[in-house]
């Protein structure tokens, strides 16, 4: 528990540092079924989760689009023959959204 708390205290640095790359999974694969998840699993959409919003917000403060990638934008069956093609696909759209309402 103490180690977890210590780690959580450093996450802002990890997400906002210019030289780290953040991988976001903002959409689930088509085969993912919310109803099949274990009881108690968080099946909320990405931007309806407070922590996910915080990660994206911190990341967008200092990172260029090539260092904040949404791997949910990858397309099933599409081959990415060059790393830059994958980055271009996943970097489009950005991560900016309004924060979820308190509650």
PDB file of N, CA and C in Angstrom:
ATOM      1  N   UNK A   1       0.823  -1.193   0.000  1.00  0.00           N
ATOM      2  CA  UNK A   1       0.000   0.000   0.000  1.00  0.00           C
ATOM      3  C   UNK A   1       0.867   1.257   0.000  1.00  0.00           C
ATOM      4  N   UNK A   2       1.917   1.291   0.809  1.00  0.00           N
ATOM      5  CA  UNK A   2       2.811   2.457   0.857  1.00  0.00           C
ATOM      6  C   UNK A   2       3.541   2.629  -0.467  1.00  0.00           C
ATOM      7  N   UNK A   3       3.977   1.512  -1.061  1.00  0.00           N
ATOM      8  CA  UNK A   3       4.675   1.579  -2.341  1.00  0.00           C
ATOM      9  C   UNK A   3       3.750   2.072  -3.442  1.00  0.00           C
ATOM     10  N   UNK A   4       2.499   1.622  -3.404  1.00  0.00           N
ATOM     11  CA  UNK A   4       1.505   2.084  -4.379  1.00  0.00           C
ATOM     12  C   UNK A   4       1.318   3.594  -4.263  1.00  0.00           C
ATOM     13  N   UNK A   5       1.163   4.079  -3.045  1.00  0.00           N
ATOM     14  CA  UNK A   5       0.973   5.514  -2.826  1.00  0.00           C
ATOM     15  C   UNK A   5       2.181   6.310  -3.301  1.00  0.00           C
ATOM     16  N   UNK A   6       3.365   5.779  -3.085  1.00  0.00           N
ATOM     17  CA  UNK A   6       4.578   6.456  -3.550  1.00  0.00           C
ATOM     18  C   UNK A   6       4.592   6.516  -5.081  1.00  0.00           C
ATOM     19  N   UNK A   7       4.213   5.419  -5.721  1.00  0.00           N
ATOM     20  CA  UNK A   7       4.171   5.382  -7.178  1.00  0.00           C
ATOM     21  C   UNK A   7       3.149   6.326  -7.761  1.00  0.00           C
ATOM     22  N   UNK A   8       1.977   6.385  -7.153  1.00  0.00           N
ATOM     23  CA  UNK A   8       0.924   7.280  -7.635  1.00  0.00           C
ATOM     24  C   UNK A   8       1.395   8.732  -7.594  1.00  0.00           C
ATOM     25  N   UNK A   9       2.197   9.060  -6.592  1.00  0.00           N
ATOM     26  CA  UNK A   9       2.712  10.421  -6.476  1.00  0.00           C
ATOM     27  C   UNK A   9       3.630  10.830  -7.617  1.00  0.00           C
ATOM     28  N   UNK A  10       4.160   9.870  -8.352  1.00  0.00           N
ATOM     29  CA  UNK A  10       5.084  10.158  -9.461  1.00  0.00           C
ATOM     30  C   UNK A  10       4.404  10.117 -10.824  1.00  0.00           C
ATOM     31  N   UNK A  11       3.152   9.703 -10.887  1.00  0.00           N
ATOM     32  CA  UNK A  11       2.504   9.514 -12.178  1.00  0.00           C
ATOM     33  C   UNK A  11       2.362  10.802 -12.981  1.00  0.00           C
ATOM     34  N   UNK A  12       2.159  11.910 -12.324  1.00  0.00           N
ATOM     35  CA  UNK A  12       2.059  13.175 -13.047  1.00  0.00           C
ATOM     36  C   UNK A  12       3.310  13.449 -13.858  1.00  0.00           C
ATOM     37  N   UNK A  13       4.456  13.146 -13.282  1.00  0.00           N
ATOM     38  CA  UNK A  13       5.721  13.331 -13.994  1.00  0.00           C
ATOM     39  C   UNK A  13       5.805  12.391 -15.183  1.00  0.00           C
ATOM     40  N   UNK A  14       5.428  11.152 -14.988  1.00  0.00           N
ATOM     41  CA  UNK A  14       5.471  10.171 -16.071  1.00  0.00           C
ATOM     42  C   UNK A  14       4.582  10.604 -17.235  1.00  0.00           C
ATOM     43  N   UNK A  15       3.364  10.988 -16.957  1.00  0.00           N
ATOM     44  CA  UNK A  15       2.429  11.336 -18.020  1.00  0.00           C
ATOM     45  C   UNK A  15       2.756  12.672 -18.680  1.00  0.00           C
ATOM     46  N   UNK A  16       3.340  13.601 -17.966  1.00  0.00           N
ATOM     47  CA  UNK A  16       3.577  14.923 -18.551  1.00  0.00           C
ATOM     48  C   UNK A  16       4.990  15.114 -19.087  1.00  0.00           C
ATOM     49  N   UNK A  17       5.898  14.191 -18.829  1.00  0.00           N
ATOM     50  CA  UNK A  17       7.275  14.354 -19.311  1.00  0.00           C
ATOM     51  C   UNK A  17       7.307  14.312 -20.833  1.00  0.00           C
ATOM     52  N   UNK A  18       8.065  15.237 -21.440  1.00  0.00           N
ATOM     53  CA  UNK A  18       8.087  15.349 -22.900  1.00  0.00           C
ATOM     54  C   UNK A  18       8.671  14.126 -23.590  1.00  0.00           C
ATOM     55  N   UNK A  19       9.500  13.381 -22.914  1.00  0.00           N
ATOM     56  CA  UNK A  19      10.199  12.274 -23.569  1.00  0.00           C
ATOM     57  C   UNK A  19       9.580  10.899 -23.309  1.00  0.00           C
ATOM     58  N   UNK A  20       8.435  10.865 -22.662  1.00  0.00           N
ATOM     59  CA  UNK A  20       7.730   9.594 -22.522  1.00  0.00           C
ATOM     60  C   UNK A  20       6.608   9.546 -23.554  1.00  0.00           C
ATOM     61  N   UNK A  21       6.254   8.362 -23.958  1.00  0.00           N
ATOM     62  CA  UNK A  21       5.155   8.182 -24.899  1.00  0.00           C
ATOM     63  C   UNK A  21       3.990   7.563 -24.150  1.00  0.00           C
ATOM     64  N   UNK A  22       2.851   8.168 -24.320  1.00  0.00           N
ATOM     65  CA  UNK A  22       1.638   7.682 -23.665  1.00  0.00           C
ATOM     66  C   UNK A  22       0.804   6.921 -24.680  1.00  0.00           C
ATOM     67  N   UNK A  23       0.422   5.702 -24.315  1.00  0.00           N
ATOM     68  CA  UNK A  23      -0.462   4.896 -25.154  1.00  0.00           C
ATOM     69  C   UNK A  23      -1.830   4.861 -24.494  1.00  0.00           C
ATOM     70  N   UNK A  24      -2.829   5.354 -25.210  1.00  0.00           N
ATOM     71  CA  UNK A  24      -4.196   5.367 -24.695  1.00  0.00           C
ATOM     72  C   UNK A  24      -5.024   4.355 -25.482  1.00  0.00           C
ATOM     73  N   UNK A  25      -5.902   3.666 -24.816  1.00  0.00           N
ATOM     74  CA  UNK A  25      -6.839   2.769 -25.485  1.00  0.00           C
ATOM     75  C   UNK A  25      -8.232   3.330 -25.212  1.00  0.00           C
ATOM     76  N   UNK A  26      -8.669   4.242 -26.097  1.00  0.00           N
ATOM     77  CA  UNK A  26      -9.914   4.970 -25.851  1.00  0.00           C
ATOM     78  C   UNK A  26     -11.150   4.226 -26.331  1.00  0.00           C
ATOM     79  N   UNK A  27     -10.958   3.205 -27.132  1.00  0.00           N
ATOM     80  CA  UNK A  27     -12.075   2.372 -27.560  1.00  0.00           C
ATOM     81  C   UNK A  27     -11.666   0.911 -27.423  1.00  0.00           C
ATOM     82  N   UNK A  28     -12.625   0.077 -27.148  1.00  0.00           N
ATOM     83  CA  UNK A  28     -12.350  -1.344 -27.019  1.00  0.00           C
ATOM     84  C   UNK A  28     -12.471  -2.023 -28.380  1.00  0.00           C
ATOM     85  N   UNK A  29     -11.789  -3.142 -28.558  1.00  0.00           N
ATOM     86  CA  UNK A  29     -11.953  -3.904 -29.809  1.00  0.00           C
ATOM     87  C   UNK A  29     -13.410  -4.341 -29.979  1.00  0.00           C
ATOM     88  N   UNK A  30     -13.801  -4.575 -31.227  1.00  0.00           N
ATOM     89  CA  UNK A  30     -15.193  -4.977 -31.496  1.00  0.00           C
ATOM     90  C   UNK A  30     -15.592  -6.231 -30.732  1.00  0.00           C
ATOM     91  N   UNK A  31     -14.640  -7.114 -30.473  1.00  0.00           N
ATOM     92  CA  UNK A  31     -14.963  -8.374 -29.802  1.00  0.00           C
ATOM     93  C   UNK A  31     -15.154  -8.216 -28.295  1.00  0.00           C
ATOM     94  N   UNK A  32     -14.836  -7.057 -27.744  1.00  0.00           N
ATOM     95  CA  UNK A  32     -14.987  -6.803 -26.307  1.00  0.00           C
ATOM     96  C   UNK A  32     -16.463  -6.611 -25.987  1.00  0.00           C
ATOM     97  N   UNK A  33     -16.952  -7.391 -25.071  1.00  0.00           N
ATOM     98  CA  UNK A  33     -18.356  -7.294 -24.671  1.00  0.00           C
ATOM     99  C   UNK A  33     -18.440  -6.921 -23.198  1.00  0.00           C
ATOM    100  N   UNK A  34     -19.044  -5.792 -22.920  1.00  0.00           N
ATOM    101  CA  UNK A  34     -19.176  -5.337 -21.532  1.00  0.00           C
ATOM    102  C   UNK A  34     -19.892  -6.363 -20.668  1.00  0.00           C
ATOM    103  N   UNK A  35     -20.882  -6.999 -21.221  1.00  0.00           N
ATOM    104  CA  UNK A  35     -21.680  -7.953 -20.446  1.00  0.00           C
ATOM    105  C   UNK A  35     -20.875  -9.189 -20.036  1.00  0.00           C
ATOM    106  N   UNK A  36     -19.773  -9.461 -20.724  1.00  0.00           N
ATOM    107  CA  UNK A  36     -18.958 -10.643 -20.428  1.00  0.00           C
ATOM    108  C   UNK A  36     -17.869 -10.381 -19.390  1.00  0.00           C
ATOM    109  N   UNK A  37     -17.766  -9.159 -18.898  1.00  0.00           N
ATOM    110  CA  UNK A  37     -16.711  -8.818 -17.942  1.00  0.00           C
ATOM    111  C   UNK A  37     -17.114  -9.255 -16.534  1.00  0.00           C
ATOM    112  N   UNK A  38     -16.129  -9.522 -15.686  1.00  0.00           N
ATOM    113  CA  UNK A  38     -16.446  -9.953 -14.314  1.00  0.00           C
ATOM    114  C   UNK A  38     -17.218  -8.880 -13.552  1.00  0.00           C
ATOM    115  N   UNK A  39     -17.986  -9.314 -12.607  1.00  0.00           N
ATOM    116  CA  UNK A  39     -18.749  -8.384 -11.769  1.00  0.00           C
ATOM    117  C   UNK A  39     -17.787  -7.404 -11.098  1.00  0.00           C
ATOM    118  N   UNK A  40     -18.114  -6.154 -11.115  1.00  0.00           N
ATOM    119  CA  UNK A  40     -17.283  -5.134 -10.491  1.00  0.00           C
ATOM    120  C   UNK A  40     -16.256  -4.523 -11.427  1.00  0.00           C
ATOM    121  N   UNK A  41     -16.100  -5.084 -12.634  1.00  0.00           N
ATOM    122  CA  UNK A  41     -15.134  -4.520 -13.594  1.00  0.00           C
ATOM    123  C   UNK A  41     -15.634  -3.156 -14.058  1.00  0.00           C
ATOM    124  N   UNK A  42     -14.714  -2.214 -14.204  1.00  0.00           N
ATOM    125  CA  UNK A  42     -15.068  -0.888 -14.691  1.00  0.00           C
ATOM    126  C   UNK A  42     -15.204  -0.951 -16.207  1.00  0.00           C
ATOM    127  N   UNK A  43     -16.416  -0.857 -16.700  1.00  0.00           N
ATOM    128  CA  UNK A  43     -16.670  -0.948 -18.130  1.00  0.00           C
ATOM    129  C   UNK A  43     -17.087   0.409 -18.710  1.00  0.00           C
ATOM    130  N   UNK A  44     -16.834   1.463 -17.976  1.00  0.00           N
ATOM    131  CA  UNK A  44     -17.163   2.810 -18.452  1.00  0.00           C
ATOM    132  C   UNK A  44     -16.305   3.152 -19.660  1.00  0.00           C
ATOM    133  N   UNK A  45     -16.834   4.010 -20.520  1.00  0.00           N
ATOM    134  CA  UNK A  45     -16.048   4.498 -21.648  1.00  0.00           C
ATOM    135  C   UNK A  45     -14.846   5.279 -21.137  1.00  0.00           C
ATOM    136  N   UNK A  46     -13.797   5.342 -21.949  1.00  0.00           N
ATOM    137  CA  UNK A  46     -12.519   5.950 -21.561  1.00  0.00           C
ATOM    138  C   UNK A  46     -12.701   7.345 -20.966  1.00  0.00           C
ATOM    139  N   UNK A  47     -13.401   8.210 -21.688  1.00  0.00           N
ATOM    140  CA  UNK A  47     -13.504   9.596 -21.229  1.00  0.00           C
ATOM    141  C   UNK A  47     -14.561   9.795 -20.144  1.00  0.00           C
ATOM    142  N   UNK A  48     -15.226   8.721 -19.747  1.00  0.00           N
ATOM    143  CA  UNK A  48     -16.124   8.798 -18.597  1.00  0.00           C
ATOM    144  C   UNK A  48     -15.420   8.398 -17.313  1.00  0.00           C
ATOM    145  N   UNK A  49     -14.160   8.071 -17.421  1.00  0.00           N
ATOM    146  CA  UNK A  49     -13.351   7.679 -16.264  1.00  0.00           C
ATOM    147  C   UNK A  49     -12.481   8.864 -15.866  1.00  0.00           C
ATOM    148  N   UNK A  50     -12.546   9.254 -14.637  1.00  0.00           N
ATOM    149  CA  UNK A  50     -11.783  10.420 -14.175  1.00  0.00           C
ATOM    150  C   UNK A  50     -10.289  10.265 -14.329  1.00  0.00           C
ATOM    151  N   UNK A  51      -9.763   9.084 -14.001  1.00  0.00           N
ATOM    152  CA  UNK A  51      -8.314   8.897 -14.071  1.00  0.00           C
ATOM    153  C   UNK A  51      -7.839   8.954 -15.522  1.00  0.00           C
ATOM    154  N   UNK A  52      -8.585   8.366 -16.428  1.00  0.00           N
ATOM    155  CA  UNK A  52      -8.193   8.409 -17.841  1.00  0.00           C
ATOM    156  C   UNK A  52      -8.191   9.844 -18.357  1.00  0.00           C
ATOM    157  N   UNK A  53      -9.186  10.612 -17.956  1.00  0.00           N
ATOM    158  CA  UNK A  53      -9.195  12.023 -18.358  1.00  0.00           C
ATOM    159  C   UNK A  53      -7.959  12.727 -17.818  1.00  0.00           C
ATOM    160  N   UNK A  54      -7.605  12.467 -16.561  1.00  0.00           N
ATOM    161  CA  UNK A  54      -6.429  13.108 -15.958  1.00  0.00           C
ATOM    162  C   UNK A  54      -5.161  12.737 -16.707  1.00  0.00           C
ATOM    163  N   UNK A  55      -5.013  11.473 -17.069  1.00  0.00           N
ATOM    164  CA  UNK A  55      -3.838  11.036 -17.826  1.00  0.00           C
ATOM    165  C   UNK A  55      -3.739  11.793 -19.143  1.00  0.00           C
ATOM    166  N   UNK A  56      -4.844  11.883 -19.861  1.00  0.00           N
ATOM    167  CA  UNK A  56      -4.835  12.577 -21.151  1.00  0.00           C
ATOM    168  C   UNK A  56      -4.548  14.059 -20.993  1.00  0.00           C
ATOM    169  N   UNK A  57      -5.132  14.669 -19.970  1.00  0.00           N
ATOM    170  CA  UNK A  57      -4.925  16.096 -19.746  1.00  0.00           C
ATOM    171  C   UNK A  57      -3.463  16.386 -19.410  1.00  0.00           C
ATOM    172  N   UNK A  58      -2.880  15.603 -18.519  1.00  0.00           N
ATOM    173  CA  UNK A  58      -1.472  15.806 -18.173  1.00  0.00           C
ATOM    174  C   UNK A  58      -0.579  15.589 -19.382  1.00  0.00           C
ATOM    175  N   UNK A  59      -0.864  14.575 -20.133  1.00  0.00           N
ATOM    176  CA  UNK A  59      -0.062  14.248 -21.303  1.00  0.00           C
ATOM    177  C   UNK A  59      -0.120  15.356 -22.346  1.00  0.00           C
ATOM    178  N   UNK A  60      -1.287  15.927 -22.541  1.00  0.00           N
ATOM    179  CA  UNK A  60      -1.439  16.942 -23.588  1.00  0.00           C
ATOM    180  C   UNK A  60      -0.778  18.269 -23.241  1.00  0.00           C
ATOM    181  N   UNK A  61      -0.386  18.456 -21.990  1.00  0.00           N
ATOM    182  CA  UNK A  61       0.262  19.711 -21.600  1.00  0.00           C
ATOM    183  C   UNK A  61       1.630  19.887 -22.242  1.00  0.00           C
ATOM    184  N   UNK A  62       2.372  18.806 -22.407  1.00  0.00           N
ATOM    185  CA  UNK A  62       3.760  18.938 -22.844  1.00  0.00           C
ATOM    186  C   UNK A  62       4.130  18.079 -24.046  1.00  0.00           C
ATOM    187  N   UNK A  63       3.336  17.117 -24.406  1.00  0.00           N
ATOM    188  CA  UNK A  63       3.715  16.181 -25.458  1.00  0.00           C
ATOM    189  C   UNK A  63       3.231  16.634 -26.826  1.00  0.00           C
ATOM    190  N   UNK A  64       4.052  16.359 -27.833  1.00  0.00           N
ATOM    191  CA  UNK A  64       3.599  16.487 -29.205  1.00  0.00           C
ATOM    192  C   UNK A  64       2.679  15.323 -29.517  1.00  0.00           C
ATOM    193  N   UNK A  65       1.926  15.423 -30.596  1.00  0.00           N
ATOM    194  CA  UNK A  65       0.951  14.386 -30.913  1.00  0.00           C
ATOM    195  C   UNK A  65       1.601  13.028 -31.141  1.00  0.00           C
ATOM    196  N   UNK A  66       2.849  12.977 -31.551  1.00  0.00           N
ATOM    197  CA  UNK A  66       3.529  11.709 -31.774  1.00  0.00           C
ATOM    198  C   UNK A  66       3.912  10.991 -30.503  1.00  0.00           C
ATOM    199  N   UNK A  67       3.748  11.639 -29.357  1.00  0.00           N
ATOM    200  CA  UNK A  67       4.076  11.012 -28.079  1.00  0.00           C
ATOM    201  C   UNK A  67       2.841  10.763 -27.221  1.00  0.00           C
ATOM    202  N   UNK A  68       1.676  10.964 -27.784  1.00  0.00           N
ATOM    203  CA  UNK A  68       0.431  10.649 -27.087  1.00  0.00           C
ATOM    204  C   UNK A  68      -0.458   9.941 -28.095  1.00  0.00           C
ATOM    205  N   UNK A  69      -0.378   8.612 -28.085  1.00  0.00           N
ATOM    206  CA  UNK A  69      -0.996   7.815 -29.138  1.00  0.00           C
ATOM    207  C   UNK A  69      -2.237   7.083 -28.634  1.00  0.00           C
ATOM    208  N   UNK A  70      -3.274   7.113 -29.428  1.00  0.00           N
ATOM    209  CA  UNK A  70      -4.510   6.399 -29.121  1.00  0.00           C
ATOM    210  C   UNK A  70      -4.505   5.103 -29.917  1.00  0.00           C
ATOM    211  N   UNK A  71      -4.097   4.007 -29.281  1.00  0.00           N
ATOM    212  CA  UNK A  71      -4.026   2.741 -30.004  1.00  0.00           C
ATOM    213  C   UNK A  71      -5.418   2.174 -30.299  1.00  0.00           C
ATOM    214  N   UNK A  72      -6.443   2.784 -29.739  1.00  0.00           N
ATOM    215  CA  UNK A  72      -7.812   2.424 -30.097  1.00  0.00           C
ATOM    216  C   UNK A  72      -8.154   2.834 -31.516  1.00  0.00           C
ATOM    217  N   UNK A  73      -7.322   3.666 -32.130  1.00  0.00           N
ATOM    218  CA  UNK A  73      -7.543   4.100 -33.509  1.00  0.00           C
ATOM    219  C   UNK A  73      -6.951   3.121 -34.522  1.00  0.00           C
ATOM    220  N   UNK A  74      -6.198   2.130 -34.033  1.00  0.00           N
ATOM    221  CA  UNK A  74      -5.676   1.112 -34.951  1.00  0.00           C
ATOM    222  C   UNK A  74      -6.848   0.368 -35.580  1.00  0.00           C
ATOM    223  N   UNK A  75      -6.710   0.005 -36.835  1.00  0.00           N
ATOM    224  CA  UNK A  75      -7.803  -0.652 -37.546  1.00  0.00           C
ATOM    225  C   UNK A  75      -7.516  -2.134 -37.714  1.00  0.00           C
ATOM    226  N   UNK A  76      -8.508  -2.932 -37.371  1.00  0.00           N
ATOM    227  CA  UNK A  76      -8.398  -4.382 -37.512  1.00  0.00           C
ATOM    228  C   UNK A  76      -8.157  -4.743 -38.971  1.00  0.00           C
ATOM    229  N   UNK A  77      -7.187  -5.592 -39.201  1.00  0.00           N
ATOM    230  CA  UNK A  77      -6.877  -6.041 -40.551  1.00  0.00           C
ATOM    231  C   UNK A  77      -5.956  -5.120 -41.325  1.00  0.00           C
ATOM    232  N   UNK A  78      -5.689  -3.941 -40.822  1.00  0.00           N
ATOM    233  CA  UNK A  78      -4.793  -3.017 -41.519  1.00  0.00           C
ATOM    234  C   UNK A  78      -3.364  -3.316 -41.106  1.00  0.00           C
ATOM    235  N   UNK A  79      -2.482  -3.406 -42.095  1.00  0.00           N
ATOM    236  CA  UNK A  79      -1.071  -3.625 -41.801  1.00  0.00           C
ATOM    237  C   UNK A  79      -0.354  -2.283 -41.788  1.00  0.00           C
ATOM    238  N   UNK A  80       0.426  -2.082 -40.761  1.00  0.00           N
ATOM    239  CA  UNK A  80       1.211  -0.865 -40.631  1.00  0.00           C
ATOM    240  C   UNK A  80       2.647  -1.240 -40.945  1.00  0.00           C
ATOM    241  N   UNK A  81       3.039  -1.013 -42.197  1.00  0.00           N
ATOM    242  CA  UNK A  81       4.349  -1.465 -42.648  1.00  0.00           C
ATOM    243  C   UNK A  81       5.491  -0.562 -42.182  1.00  0.00           C
ATOM    244  N   UNK A  82       5.168   0.606 -41.723  1.00  0.00           N
ATOM    245  CA  UNK A  82       6.196   1.521 -41.208  1.00  0.00           C
ATOM    246  C   UNK A  82       5.736   2.051 -39.859  1.00  0.00           C
ATOM    247  N   UNK A  83       6.652   2.218 -38.917  1.00  0.00           N
ATOM    248  CA  UNK A  83       6.255   2.765 -37.611  1.00  0.00           C
ATOM    249  C   UNK A  83       5.558   4.109 -37.737  1.00  0.00           C
ATOM    250  N   UNK A  84       5.991   4.937 -38.690  1.00  0.00           N
ATOM    251  CA  UNK A  84       5.402   6.265 -38.823  1.00  0.00           C
ATOM    252  C   UNK A  84       3.951   6.206 -39.302  1.00  0.00           C
ATOM    253  N   UNK A  85       3.601   5.155 -40.047  1.00  0.00           N
ATOM    254  CA  UNK A  85       2.205   4.994 -40.473  1.00  0.00           C
ATOM    255  C   UNK A  85       1.318   4.719 -39.262  1.00  0.00           C
ATOM    256  N   UNK A  86       1.798   3.899 -38.363  1.00  0.00           N
ATOM    257  CA  UNK A  86       1.050   3.601 -37.136  1.00  0.00           C
ATOM    258  C   UNK A  86       0.933   4.854 -36.274  1.00  0.00           C
ATOM    259  N   UNK A  87       2.022   5.596 -36.140  1.00  0.00           N
ATOM    260  CA  UNK A  87       1.992   6.825 -35.341  1.00  0.00           C
ATOM    261  C   UNK A  87       1.014   7.819 -35.947  1.00  0.00           C
ATOM    262  N   UNK A  88       1.038   7.968 -37.276  1.00  0.00           N
ATOM    263  CA  UNK A  88       0.121   8.911 -37.929  1.00  0.00           C
ATOM    264  C   UNK A  88      -1.330   8.510 -37.683  1.00  0.00           C
ATOM    265  N   UNK A  89      -1.617   7.226 -37.744  1.00  0.00           N
ATOM    266  CA  UNK A  89      -2.986   6.746 -37.511  1.00  0.00           C
ATOM    267  C   UNK A  89      -3.424   7.006 -36.076  1.00  0.00           C
ATOM    268  N   UNK A  90      -2.542   6.748 -35.137  1.00  0.00           N
ATOM    269  CA  UNK A  90      -2.898   6.814 -33.714  1.00  0.00           C
ATOM    270  C   UNK A  90      -2.769   8.216 -33.123  1.00  0.00           C
ATOM    271  N   UNK A  91      -2.061   9.101 -33.797  1.00  0.00           N
ATOM    272  CA  UNK A  91      -1.877  10.448 -33.261  1.00  0.00           C
ATOM    273  C   UNK A  91      -3.000  11.385 -33.674  1.00  0.00           C
ATOM    274  N   UNK A  92      -3.760  11.049 -34.684  1.00  0.00           N
ATOM    275  CA  UNK A  92      -4.818  11.939 -35.142  1.00  0.00           C
ATOM    276  C   UNK A  92      -5.955  11.981 -34.132  1.00  0.00           C
ATOM    277  N   UNK A  93      -6.581  13.092 -34.048  1.00  0.00           N
ATOM    278  CA  UNK A  93      -7.738  13.215 -33.173  1.00  0.00           C
ATOM    279  C   UNK A  93      -7.429  13.794 -31.812  1.00  0.00           C
ATOM    280  N   UNK A  94      -6.199  13.697 -31.357  1.00  0.00           N
ATOM    281  CA  UNK A  94      -5.829  14.258 -30.057  1.00  0.00           C
ATOM    282  C   UNK A  94      -6.584  13.621 -28.912  1.00  0.00           C
ATOM    283  N   UNK A  95      -6.384  14.153 -27.718  1.00  0.00           N
ATOM    284  CA  UNK A  95      -7.021  13.582 -26.542  1.00  0.00           C
ATOM    285  C   UNK A  95      -7.871  14.565 -25.787  1.00  0.00           C
ATOM    286  N   UNK A  96      -8.027  15.761 -26.323  1.00  0.00           N
ATOM    287  CA  UNK A  96      -8.729  16.783 -25.571  1.00  0.00           C
ATOM    288  C   UNK A  96     -10.228  16.586 -25.503  1.00  0.00           C
ATOM    289  N   UNK A  97     -10.757  16.471 -24.346  1.00  0.00           N
ATOM    290  CA  UNK A  97     -12.197  16.411 -24.112  1.00  0.00           C
ATOM    291  C   UNK A  97     -12.489  17.132 -22.805  1.00  0.00           C
ATOM    292  N   UNK A  98     -13.727  17.479 -22.628  1.00  0.00           N
ATOM    293  CA  UNK A  98     -14.112  18.091 -21.357  1.00  0.00           C
ATOM    294  C   UNK A  98     -14.014  17.071 -20.242  1.00  0.00           C
ATOM    295  N   UNK A  99     -13.713  17.521 -19.036  1.00  0.00           N
ATOM    296  CA  UNK A  99     -13.662  16.578 -17.920  1.00  0.00           C
ATOM    297  C   UNK A  99     -15.052  16.048 -17.608  1.00  0.00           C
ATOM    298  N   UNK A 100     -15.109  14.838 -17.040  1.00  0.00           N
ATOM    299  CA  UNK A 100     -16.420  14.314 -16.662  1.00  0.00           C
ATOM    300  C   UNK A 100     -17.009  15.146 -15.537  1.00  0.00           C
ATOM    301  N   UNK A 101     -18.328  15.229 -15.455  1.00  0.00           N
ATOM    302  CA  UNK A 101     -18.945  16.012 -14.382  1.00  0.00           C
ATOM    303  C   UNK A 101     -18.666  15.368 -13.029  1.00  0.00           C
ATOM    304  N   UNK A 102     -18.556  16.176 -11.982  1.00  0.00           N
ATOM    305  CA  UNK A 102     -18.320  15.593 -10.648  1.00  0.00           C
ATOM    306  C   UNK A 102     -19.524  14.763 -10.218  1.00  0.00           C
ATOM    307  N   UNK A 103     -19.233  13.773  -9.444  1.00  0.00           N
ATOM    308  CA  UNK A 103     -20.368  13.008  -8.954  1.00  0.00           C
ATOM    309  C   UNK A 103     -20.014  11.631  -8.719  1.00  0.00           C
TER     310      UNK A 103
END
